[in-house]
Amino acid sequence: TAGGQLKKTNICGSFSDPCWNSPNTGATNSSEMNVVPGGWRNNVGTFGYINTTYSAWSRTVDSASLSSAYYLRVYNTTSSAAVPRQNKNFGMSVRCIMD
């Protein structure tokens, strides 16, 4: 349920952008992180998944391959979150946090 706890509860059509496509499964935003879907840009420059996926880089680089890094991924169709790795030539969101 970690993904749902991160996701803002808005759905496209009922709120202004940025918004999640329906269904926004399990969204509670109980973490108050207010995650909204920004999608990503692939290695050839095509953008996709704008209202369905939150993808944000981690600062953790894959030690087995310096060309890839980990990222946080949350979909509109699930309440889970994943931390897979991807080639660093993909474009994803970066979340800035003030100390």
PDB file of N, CA and C in Angstrom:
ATOM      1  N   THR A   1       0.806  -1.208   0.000  1.00  0.00           N
ATOM      2  CA  THR A   1       0.000   0.000   0.000  1.00  0.00           C
ATOM      3  C   THR A   1       0.847   1.271   0.000  1.00  0.00           C
ATOM      4  N   ALA A   2       2.171   1.122  -0.054  1.00  0.00           N
ATOM      5  CA  ALA A   2       3.058   2.291   0.022  1.00  0.00           C
ATOM      6  C   ALA A   2       2.800   3.296  -1.095  1.00  0.00           C
ATOM      7  N   GLY A   3       2.513   2.813  -2.297  1.00  0.00           N
ATOM      8  CA  GLY A   3       2.246   3.730  -3.405  1.00  0.00           C
ATOM      9  C   GLY A   3       1.019   4.575  -3.165  1.00  0.00           C
ATOM     10  N   GLY A   4      -0.051   3.972  -2.652  1.00  0.00           N
ATOM     11  CA  GLY A   4      -1.270   4.711  -2.346  1.00  0.00           C
ATOM     12  C   GLY A   4      -1.055   5.772  -1.286  1.00  0.00           C
ATOM     13  N   GLN A   5      -0.216   5.476  -0.324  1.00  0.00           N
ATOM     14  CA  GLN A   5       0.074   6.433   0.737  1.00  0.00           C
ATOM     15  C   GLN A   5       0.837   7.653   0.225  1.00  0.00           C
ATOM     16  N   LEU A   6       1.503   7.513  -0.915  1.00  0.00           N
ATOM     17  CA  LEU A   6       2.271   8.607  -1.509  1.00  0.00           C
ATOM     18  C   LEU A   6       1.452   9.476  -2.457  1.00  0.00           C
ATOM     19  N   LYS A   7       0.412   8.873  -3.073  1.00  0.00           N
ATOM     20  CA  LYS A   7      -0.299   9.515  -4.175  1.00  0.00           C
ATOM     21  C   LYS A   7      -1.328  10.547  -3.728  1.00  0.00           C
ATOM     22  N   LYS A   8      -1.306  11.691  -4.407  1.00  0.00           N
ATOM     23  CA  LYS A   8      -2.352  12.697  -4.239  1.00  0.00           C
ATOM     24  C   LYS A   8      -3.663  12.068  -4.709  1.00  0.00           C
ATOM     25  N   THR A   9      -4.770  12.416  -4.101  1.00  0.00           N
ATOM     26  CA  THR A   9      -6.026  11.723  -4.378  1.00  0.00           C
ATOM     27  C   THR A   9      -6.810  12.274  -5.568  1.00  0.00           C
ATOM     28  N   ASN A  10      -6.296  13.276  -6.248  1.00  0.00           N
ATOM     29  CA  ASN A  10      -7.047  13.868  -7.360  1.00  0.00           C
ATOM     30  C   ASN A  10      -7.123  12.938  -8.571  1.00  0.00           C
ATOM     31  N   ILE A  11      -8.226  13.055  -9.320  1.00  0.00           N
ATOM     32  CA  ILE A  11      -8.439  12.289 -10.546  1.00  0.00           C
ATOM     33  C   ILE A  11      -8.733  13.290 -11.655  1.00  0.00           C
ATOM     34  N   CYS A  12      -8.188  13.042 -12.845  1.00  0.00           N
ATOM     35  CA  CYS A  12      -8.408  13.944 -13.979  1.00  0.00           C
ATOM     36  C   CYS A  12      -9.903  14.130 -14.235  1.00  0.00           C
ATOM     37  N   GLY A  13     -10.285  15.356 -14.517  1.00  0.00           N
ATOM     38  CA  GLY A  13     -11.677  15.684 -14.769  1.00  0.00           C
ATOM     39  C   GLY A  13     -12.363  16.291 -13.560  1.00  0.00           C
ATOM     40  N   SER A  14     -11.894  15.936 -12.364  1.00  0.00           N
ATOM     41  CA  SER A  14     -12.515  16.487 -11.163  1.00  0.00           C
ATOM     42  C   SER A  14     -11.636  17.544 -10.495  1.00  0.00           C
ATOM     43  N   PHE A  15     -10.388  17.613 -10.899  1.00  0.00           N
ATOM     44  CA  PHE A  15      -9.444  18.593 -10.356  1.00  0.00           C
ATOM     45  C   PHE A  15      -8.596  19.125 -11.498  1.00  0.00           C
ATOM     46  N   SER A  16      -7.849  20.166 -11.234  1.00  0.00           N
ATOM     47  CA  SER A  16      -6.955  20.709 -12.256  1.00  0.00           C
ATOM     48  C   SER A  16      -5.690  19.851 -12.351  1.00  0.00           C
ATOM     49  N   ASP A  17      -4.962  20.019 -13.438  1.00  0.00           N
ATOM     50  CA  ASP A  17      -3.708  19.288 -13.633  1.00  0.00           C
ATOM     51  C   ASP A  17      -2.674  19.743 -12.636  1.00  0.00           C
ATOM     52  N   PRO A  18      -1.678  18.983 -12.314  1.00  0.00           N
ATOM     53  CA  PRO A  18      -1.491  17.592 -12.729  1.00  0.00           C
ATOM     54  C   PRO A  18      -2.454  16.678 -11.969  1.00  0.00           C
ATOM     55  N   CYS A  19      -2.877  15.623 -12.651  1.00  0.00           N
ATOM     56  CA  CYS A  19      -3.869  14.732 -12.064  1.00  0.00           C
ATOM     57  C   CYS A  19      -3.607  13.286 -12.478  1.00  0.00           C
ATOM     58  N   TRP A  20      -4.183  12.385 -11.735  1.00  0.00           N
ATOM     59  CA  TRP A  20      -4.095  10.950 -12.029  1.00  0.00           C
ATOM     60  C   TRP A  20      -5.275  10.533 -12.898  1.00  0.00           C
ATOM     61  N   ASN A  21      -5.015   9.682 -13.913  1.00  0.00           N
ATOM     62  CA  ASN A  21      -6.120   9.056 -14.641  1.00  0.00           C
ATOM     63  C   ASN A  21      -6.819   8.093 -13.696  1.00  0.00           C
ATOM     64  N   SER A  22      -8.102   7.888 -13.927  1.00  0.00           N
ATOM     65  CA  SER A  22      -8.880   6.932 -13.145  1.00  0.00           C
ATOM     66  C   SER A  22      -8.537   5.518 -13.611  1.00  0.00           C
ATOM     67  N   PRO A  23      -8.434   4.541 -12.735  1.00  0.00           N
ATOM     68  CA  PRO A  23      -8.641   4.647 -11.295  1.00  0.00           C
ATOM     69  C   PRO A  23      -7.343   5.068 -10.606  1.00  0.00           C
ATOM     70  N   ASN A  24      -7.449   5.803  -9.574  1.00  0.00           N
ATOM     71  CA  ASN A  24      -6.281   6.179  -8.782  1.00  0.00           C
ATOM     72  C   ASN A  24      -6.267   5.236  -7.571  1.00  0.00           C
ATOM     73  N   THR A  25      -5.977   3.974  -7.852  1.00  0.00           N
ATOM     74  CA  THR A  25      -6.138   2.880  -6.894  1.00  0.00           C
ATOM     75  C   THR A  25      -5.373   3.096  -5.594  1.00  0.00           C
ATOM     76  N   GLY A  26      -6.084   3.004  -4.499  1.00  0.00           N
ATOM     77  CA  GLY A  26      -5.482   3.042  -3.172  1.00  0.00           C
ATOM     78  C   GLY A  26      -4.949   4.383  -2.723  1.00  0.00           C
ATOM     79  N   ALA A  27      -5.204   5.443  -3.477  1.00  0.00           N
ATOM     80  CA  ALA A  27      -4.647   6.756  -3.129  1.00  0.00           C
ATOM     81  C   ALA A  27      -5.236   7.293  -1.838  1.00  0.00           C
ATOM     82  N   THR A  28      -4.372   7.570  -0.868  1.00  0.00           N
ATOM     83  CA  THR A  28      -4.798   8.180   0.398  1.00  0.00           C
ATOM     84  C   THR A  28      -3.968   9.413   0.734  1.00  0.00           C
ATOM     85  N   ASN A  29      -2.771   9.504   0.190  1.00  0.00           N
ATOM     86  CA  ASN A  29      -1.822  10.582   0.473  1.00  0.00           C
ATOM     87  C   ASN A  29      -1.561  10.724   1.974  1.00  0.00           C
ATOM     88  N   SER A  30      -1.646   9.621   2.706  1.00  0.00           N
ATOM     89  CA  SER A  30      -1.439   9.678   4.155  1.00  0.00           C
ATOM     90  C   SER A  30      -0.013  10.088   4.523  1.00  0.00           C
ATOM     91  N   SER A  31       0.919   9.957   3.588  1.00  0.00           N
ATOM     92  CA  SER A  31       2.302  10.397   3.825  1.00  0.00           C
ATOM     93  C   SER A  31       2.463  11.898   3.618  1.00  0.00           C
ATOM     94  N   GLU A  32       1.447  12.523   3.010  1.00  0.00           N
ATOM     95  CA  GLU A  32       1.457  13.942   2.646  1.00  0.00           C
ATOM     96  C   GLU A  32       2.581  14.288   1.672  1.00  0.00           C
ATOM     97  N   MET A  33       2.991  13.314   0.853  1.00  0.00           N
ATOM     98  CA  MET A  33       4.028  13.550  -0.153  1.00  0.00           C
ATOM     99  C   MET A  33       3.445  14.179  -1.421  1.00  0.00           C
ATOM    100  N   ASN A  34       2.130  14.050  -1.630  1.00  0.00           N
ATOM    101  CA  ASN A  34       1.436  14.674  -2.766  1.00  0.00           C
ATOM    102  C   ASN A  34       1.991  14.281  -4.127  1.00  0.00           C
ATOM    103  N   VAL A  35       2.302  13.011  -4.319  1.00  0.00           N
ATOM    104  CA  VAL A  35       2.863  12.535  -5.582  1.00  0.00           C
ATOM    105  C   VAL A  35       1.816  12.645  -6.692  1.00  0.00           C
ATOM    106  N   VAL A  36       2.209  13.277  -7.800  1.00  0.00           N
ATOM    107  CA  VAL A  36       1.369  13.377  -8.990  1.00  0.00           C
ATOM    108  C   VAL A  36       2.149  12.786 -10.166  1.00  0.00           C
ATOM    109  N   PRO A  37       1.432  12.256 -11.159  1.00  0.00           N
ATOM    110  CA  PRO A  37       2.108  11.572 -12.257  1.00  0.00           C
ATOM    111  C   PRO A  37       2.744  12.532 -13.245  1.00  0.00           C
ATOM    112  N   GLY A  38       4.026  12.370 -13.474  1.00  0.00           N
ATOM    113  CA  GLY A  38       4.728  13.180 -14.454  1.00  0.00           C
ATOM    114  C   GLY A  38       5.184  12.367 -15.652  1.00  0.00           C
ATOM    115  N   GLY A  39       4.979  11.042 -15.569  1.00  0.00           N
ATOM    116  CA  GLY A  39       5.424  10.184 -16.658  1.00  0.00           C
ATOM    117  C   GLY A  39       6.938  10.142 -16.745  1.00  0.00           C
ATOM    118  N   TRP A  40       7.457   9.911 -17.966  1.00  0.00           N
ATOM    119  CA  TRP A  40       8.901   9.886 -18.188  1.00  0.00           C
ATOM    120  C   TRP A  40       9.197  10.103 -19.664  1.00  0.00           C
ATOM    121  N   ARG A  41      10.469  10.324 -19.969  1.00  0.00           N
ATOM    122  CA  ARG A  41      10.947  10.456 -21.352  1.00  0.00           C
ATOM    123  C   ARG A  41      11.888   9.306 -21.600  1.00  0.00           C
ATOM    124  N   ASN A  42      11.661   8.559 -22.692  1.00  0.00           N
ATOM    125  CA  ASN A  42      12.542   7.413 -22.961  1.00  0.00           C
ATOM    126  C   ASN A  42      13.847   7.847 -23.619  1.00  0.00           C
ATOM    127  N   ASN A  43      14.708   6.891 -23.916  1.00  0.00           N
ATOM    128  CA  ASN A  43      16.053   7.180 -24.418  1.00  0.00           C
ATOM    129  C   ASN A  43      16.088   7.763 -25.830  1.00  0.00           C
ATOM    130  N   VAL A  44      14.971   7.778 -26.546  1.00  0.00           N
ATOM    131  CA  VAL A  44      14.942   8.414 -27.868  1.00  0.00           C
ATOM    132  C   VAL A  44      14.146   9.722 -27.846  1.00  0.00           C
ATOM    133  N   GLY A  45      13.729  10.159 -26.641  1.00  0.00           N
ATOM    134  CA  GLY A  45      13.096  11.457 -26.493  1.00  0.00           C
ATOM    135  C   GLY A  45      11.585  11.476 -26.524  1.00  0.00           C
ATOM    136  N   THR A  46      10.945  10.306 -26.547  1.00  0.00           N
ATOM    137  CA  THR A  46       9.487  10.245 -26.555  1.00  0.00           C
ATOM    138  C   THR A  46       8.949  10.268 -25.128  1.00  0.00           C
ATOM    139  N   PHE A  47       7.955  11.131 -24.875  1.00  0.00           N
ATOM    140  CA  PHE A  47       7.338  11.217 -23.557  1.00  0.00           C
ATOM    141  C   PHE A  47       6.163  10.253 -23.474  1.00  0.00           C
ATOM    142  N   GLY A  48       5.917   9.704 -22.290  1.00  0.00           N
ATOM    143  CA  GLY A  48       4.787   8.791 -22.123  1.00  0.00           C
ATOM    144  C   GLY A  48       4.327   8.706 -20.684  1.00  0.00           C
ATOM    145  N   TYR A  49       3.150   8.129 -20.506  1.00  0.00           N
ATOM    146  CA  TYR A  49       2.581   7.817 -19.189  1.00  0.00           C
ATOM    147  C   TYR A  49       2.376   9.064 -18.320  1.00  0.00           C
ATOM    148  N   ILE A  50       2.056  10.184 -18.955  1.00  0.00           N
ATOM    149  CA  ILE A  50       1.989  11.472 -18.266  1.00  0.00           C
ATOM    150  C   ILE A  50       1.001  11.472 -17.096  1.00  0.00           C
ATOM    151  N   ASN A  51      -0.199  10.924 -17.248  1.00  0.00           N
ATOM    152  CA  ASN A  51      -1.189  10.951 -16.166  1.00  0.00           C
ATOM    153  C   ASN A  51      -1.376   9.594 -15.489  1.00  0.00           C
ATOM    154  N   THR A  52      -0.451   8.675 -15.718  1.00  0.00           N
ATOM    155  CA  THR A  52      -0.610   7.333 -15.153  1.00  0.00           C
ATOM    156  C   THR A  52       0.561   6.861 -14.303  1.00  0.00           C
ATOM    157  N   THR A  53       1.711   7.515 -14.396  1.00  0.00           N
ATOM    158  CA  THR A  53       2.901   7.011 -13.713  1.00  0.00           C
ATOM    159  C   THR A  53       3.707   8.135 -13.079  1.00  0.00           C
ATOM    160  N   TYR A  54       4.098   7.919 -11.826  1.00  0.00           N
ATOM    161  CA  TYR A  54       5.064   8.792 -11.160  1.00  0.00           C
ATOM    162  C   TYR A  54       6.395   8.063 -11.184  1.00  0.00           C
ATOM    163  N   SER A  55       7.390   8.675 -11.759  1.00  0.00           N
ATOM    164  CA  SER A  55       8.745   8.116 -11.822  1.00  0.00           C
ATOM    165  C   SER A  55       9.716   9.202 -11.405  1.00  0.00           C
ATOM    166  N   ALA A  56      10.477   8.952 -10.333  1.00  0.00           N
ATOM    167  CA  ALA A  56      11.427   9.950  -9.843  1.00  0.00           C
ATOM    168  C   ALA A  56      12.737   9.271  -9.498  1.00  0.00           C
ATOM    169  N   TRP A  57      13.820   9.854  -9.960  1.00  0.00           N
ATOM    170  CA  TRP A  57      15.143   9.288  -9.718  1.00  0.00           C
ATOM    171  C   TRP A  57      15.472   9.224  -8.228  1.00  0.00           C
ATOM    172  N   SER A  58      16.174   8.163  -7.875  1.00  0.00           N
ATOM    173  CA  SER A  58      16.797   8.056  -6.561  1.00  0.00           C
ATOM    174  C   SER A  58      18.216   8.580  -6.716  1.00  0.00           C
ATOM    175  N   ARG A  59      18.855   8.904  -5.654  1.00  0.00           N
ATOM    176  CA  ARG A  59      20.265   9.295  -5.774  1.00  0.00           C
ATOM    177  C   ARG A  59      21.174   8.073  -5.771  1.00  0.00           C
ATOM    178  N   THR A  60      20.591   6.880  -5.624  1.00  0.00           N
ATOM    179  CA  THR A  60      21.357   5.638  -5.565  1.00  0.00           C
ATOM    180  C   THR A  60      21.657   5.116  -6.966  1.00  0.00           C
ATOM    181  N   VAL A  61      22.921   5.024  -7.311  1.00  0.00           N
ATOM    182  CA  VAL A  61      23.372   4.496  -8.602  1.00  0.00           C
ATOM    183  C   VAL A  61      23.520   2.991  -8.474  1.00  0.00           C
ATOM    184  N   ASP A  62      23.228   2.271  -9.546  1.00  0.00           N
ATOM    185  CA  ASP A  62      23.397   0.818  -9.576  1.00  0.00           C
ATOM    186  C   ASP A  62      24.889   0.512  -9.565  1.00  0.00           C
ATOM    187  N   SER A  63      25.389  -0.089  -8.506  1.00  0.00           N
ATOM    188  CA  SER A  63      26.829  -0.352  -8.376  1.00  0.00           C
ATOM    189  C   SER A  63      27.346  -1.340  -9.414  1.00  0.00           C
ATOM    190  N   ALA A  64      26.471  -2.176  -9.972  1.00  0.00           N
ATOM    191  CA  ALA A  64      26.891  -3.138 -10.991  1.00  0.00           C
ATOM    192  C   ALA A  64      27.027  -2.485 -12.363  1.00  0.00           C
ATOM    193  N   SER A  65      26.351  -1.376 -12.575  1.00  0.00           N
ATOM    194  CA  SER A  65      26.374  -0.696 -13.866  1.00  0.00           C
ATOM    195  C   SER A  65      26.234   0.803 -13.642  1.00  0.00           C
ATOM    196  N   LEU A  66      27.298   1.542 -13.819  1.00  0.00           N
ATOM    197  CA  LEU A  66      27.255   2.984 -13.567  1.00  0.00           C
ATOM    198  C   LEU A  66      26.369   3.732 -14.552  1.00  0.00           C
ATOM    199  N   SER A  67      25.879   3.055 -15.599  1.00  0.00           N
ATOM    200  CA  SER A  67      25.007   3.710 -16.565  1.00  0.00           C
ATOM    201  C   SER A  67      23.536   3.640 -16.157  1.00  0.00           C
ATOM    202  N   SER A  68      23.228   2.982 -15.038  1.00  0.00           N
ATOM    203  CA  SER A  68      21.845   2.918 -14.585  1.00  0.00           C
ATOM    204  C   SER A  68      21.729   3.351 -13.125  1.00  0.00           C
ATOM    205  N   ALA A  69      20.501   3.707 -12.750  1.00  0.00           N
ATOM    206  CA  ALA A  69      20.234   4.159 -11.382  1.00  0.00           C
ATOM    207  C   ALA A  69      18.843   3.685 -10.983  1.00  0.00           C
ATOM    208  N   TYR A  70      18.558   3.741  -9.703  1.00  0.00           N
ATOM    209  CA  TYR A  70      17.257   3.343  -9.186  1.00  0.00           C
ATOM    210  C   TYR A  70      16.291   4.521  -9.220  1.00  0.00           C
ATOM    211  N   TYR A  71      15.006   4.203  -9.288  1.00  0.00           N
ATOM    212  CA  TYR A  71      13.988   5.248  -9.270  1.00  0.00           C
ATOM    213  C   TYR A  71      12.737   4.728  -8.586  1.00  0.00           C
ATOM    214  N   LEU A  72      11.926   5.626  -8.065  1.00  0.00           N
ATOM    215  CA  LEU A  72      10.652   5.281  -7.449  1.00  0.00           C
ATOM    216  C   LEU A  72       9.576   5.319  -8.519  1.00  0.00           C
ATOM    217  N   ARG A  73       8.764   4.254  -8.587  1.00  0.00           N
ATOM    218  CA  ARG A  73       7.705   4.175  -9.602  1.00  0.00           C
ATOM    219  C   ARG A  73       6.372   3.848  -8.924  1.00  0.00           C
ATOM    220  N   VAL A  74       5.355   4.630  -9.249  1.00  0.00           N
ATOM    221  CA  VAL A  74       3.997   4.429  -8.746  1.00  0.00           C
ATOM    222  C   VAL A  74       3.047   4.562  -9.938  1.00  0.00           C
ATOM    223  N   TYR A  75       2.118   3.615 -10.084  1.00  0.00           N
ATOM    224  CA  TYR A  75       1.122   3.641 -11.165  1.00  0.00           C
ATOM    225  C   TYR A  75      -0.258   4.027 -10.640  1.00  0.00           C
ATOM    226  N   ASN A  76      -1.111   4.514 -11.528  1.00  0.00           N
ATOM    227  CA  ASN A  76      -2.490   4.839 -11.153  1.00  0.00           C
ATOM    228  C   ASN A  76      -3.330   3.589 -10.895  1.00  0.00           C
ATOM    229  N   THR A  77      -2.947   2.452 -11.419  1.00  0.00           N
ATOM    230  CA  THR A  77      -3.765   1.235 -11.335  1.00  0.00           C
ATOM    231  C   THR A  77      -3.410   0.318 -10.175  1.00  0.00           C
ATOM    232  N   THR A  78      -2.506   0.746  -9.305  1.00  0.00           N
ATOM    233  CA  THR A  78      -2.110  -0.082  -8.181  1.00  0.00           C
ATOM    234  C   THR A  78      -1.791   0.787  -6.971  1.00  0.00           C
ATOM    235  N   SER A  79      -1.851   0.203  -5.801  1.00  0.00           N
ATOM    236  CA  SER A  79      -1.498   0.954  -4.593  1.00  0.00           C
ATOM    237  C   SER A  79      -0.075   0.646  -4.145  1.00  0.00           C
ATOM    238  N   SER A  80       0.655  -0.114  -4.946  1.00  0.00           N
ATOM    239  CA  SER A  80       2.029  -0.458  -4.574  1.00  0.00           C
ATOM    240  C   SER A  80       3.027   0.534  -5.164  1.00  0.00           C
ATOM    241  N   ALA A  81       4.237   0.460  -4.671  1.00  0.00           N
ATOM    242  CA  ALA A  81       5.351   1.262  -5.182  1.00  0.00           C
ATOM    243  C   ALA A  81       6.496   0.311  -5.489  1.00  0.00           C
ATOM    244  N   ALA A  82       7.316   0.662  -6.441  1.00  0.00           N
ATOM    245  CA  ALA A  82       8.466  -0.171  -6.800  1.00  0.00           C
ATOM    246  C   ALA A  82       9.705   0.705  -6.906  1.00  0.00           C
ATOM    247  N   VAL A  83      10.866   0.085  -6.747  1.00  0.00           N
ATOM    248  CA  VAL A  83      12.141   0.787  -6.902  1.00  0.00           C
ATOM    249  C   VAL A  83      13.011  -0.031  -7.858  1.00  0.00           C
ATOM    250  N   PRO A  84      12.671   0.012  -9.153  1.00  0.00           N
ATOM    251  CA  PRO A  84      13.482  -0.681 -10.148  1.00  0.00           C
ATOM    252  C   PRO A  84      14.672   0.179 -10.572  1.00  0.00           C
ATOM    253  N   ARG A  85      15.426  -0.281 -11.530  1.00  0.00           N
ATOM    254  CA  ARG A  85      16.528   0.535 -12.059  1.00  0.00           C
ATOM    255  C   ARG A  85      16.293   0.774 -13.540  1.00  0.00           C
ATOM    256  N   GLN A  86      16.912   1.837 -14.038  1.00  0.00           N
ATOM    257  CA  GLN A  86      16.738   2.227 -15.432  1.00  0.00           C
ATOM    258  C   GLN A  86      18.016   2.900 -15.912  1.00  0.00           C
ATOM    259  N   ASN A  87      18.249   2.831 -17.214  1.00  0.00           N
ATOM    260  CA  ASN A  87      19.375   3.509 -17.814  1.00  0.00           C
ATOM    261  C   ASN A  87      19.243   5.008 -17.564  1.00  0.00           C
ATOM    262  N   LYS A  88      20.346   5.661 -17.253  1.00  0.00           N
ATOM    263  CA  LYS A  88      20.303   7.076 -16.890  1.00  0.00           C
ATOM    264  C   LYS A  88      20.036   8.011 -18.064  1.00  0.00           C
ATOM    265  N   ASN A  89      19.894   7.481 -19.277  1.00  0.00           N
ATOM    266  CA  ASN A  89      19.541   8.358 -20.388  1.00  0.00           C
ATOM    267  C   ASN A  89      18.025   8.525 -20.529  1.00  0.00           C
ATOM    268  N   PHE A  90      17.246   7.944 -19.613  1.00  0.00           N
ATOM    269  CA  PHE A  90      15.811   8.203 -19.528  1.00  0.00           C
ATOM    270  C   PHE A  90      15.604   9.478 -18.719  1.00  0.00           C
ATOM    271  N   GLY A  91      14.525  10.173 -18.985  1.00  0.00           N
ATOM    272  CA  GLY A  91      14.213  11.378 -18.230  1.00  0.00           C
ATOM    273  C   GLY A  91      13.080  11.125 -17.262  1.00  0.00           C
ATOM    274  N   MET A  92      13.329  11.422 -15.996  1.00  0.00           N
ATOM    275  CA  MET A  92      12.295  11.241 -14.968  1.00  0.00           C
ATOM    276  C   MET A  92      12.297  12.444 -14.038  1.00  0.00           C
ATOM    277  N   SER A  93      11.286  12.510 -13.212  1.00  0.00           N
ATOM    278  CA  SER A  93      11.176  13.606 -12.253  1.00  0.00           C
ATOM    279  C   SER A  93      12.294  13.547 -11.222  1.00  0.00           C
ATOM    280  N   VAL A  94      12.559  14.696 -10.632  1.00  0.00           N
ATOM    281  CA  VAL A  94      13.490  14.810  -9.517  1.00  0.00           C
ATOM    282  C   VAL A  94      12.753  15.556  -8.422  1.00  0.00           C
ATOM    283  N   ARG A  95      12.733  15.005  -7.253  1.00  0.00           N
ATOM    284  CA  ARG A  95      12.025  15.641  -6.132  1.00  0.00           C
ATOM    285  C   ARG A  95      13.047  16.347  -5.262  1.00  0.00           C
ATOM    286  N   CYS A  96      12.881  17.633  -5.093  1.00  0.00           N
ATOM    287  CA  CYS A  96      13.783  18.428  -4.263  1.00  0.00           C
ATOM    288  C   CYS A  96      13.191  18.558  -2.865  1.00  0.00           C
ATOM    289  N   ILE A  97      13.990  18.288  -1.869  1.00  0.00           N
ATOM    290  CA  ILE A  97      13.545  18.355  -0.481  1.00  0.00           C
ATOM    291  C   ILE A  97      14.437  19.313   0.276  1.00  0.00           C
ATOM    292  N   MET A  98      13.835  20.272   0.943  1.00  0.00           N
ATOM    293  CA  MET A  98      14.597  21.246   1.702  1.00  0.00           C
ATOM    294  C   MET A  98      14.865  20.711   3.103  1.00  0.00           C
ATOM    295  N   ASP A  99      16.104  20.826   3.550  1.00  0.00           N
ATOM    296  CA  ASP A  99      16.467  20.429   4.925  1.00  0.00           C
ATOM    297  C   ASP A  99      15.992  21.452   5.918  1.00  0.00           C
TER     298      ASP A  99
END
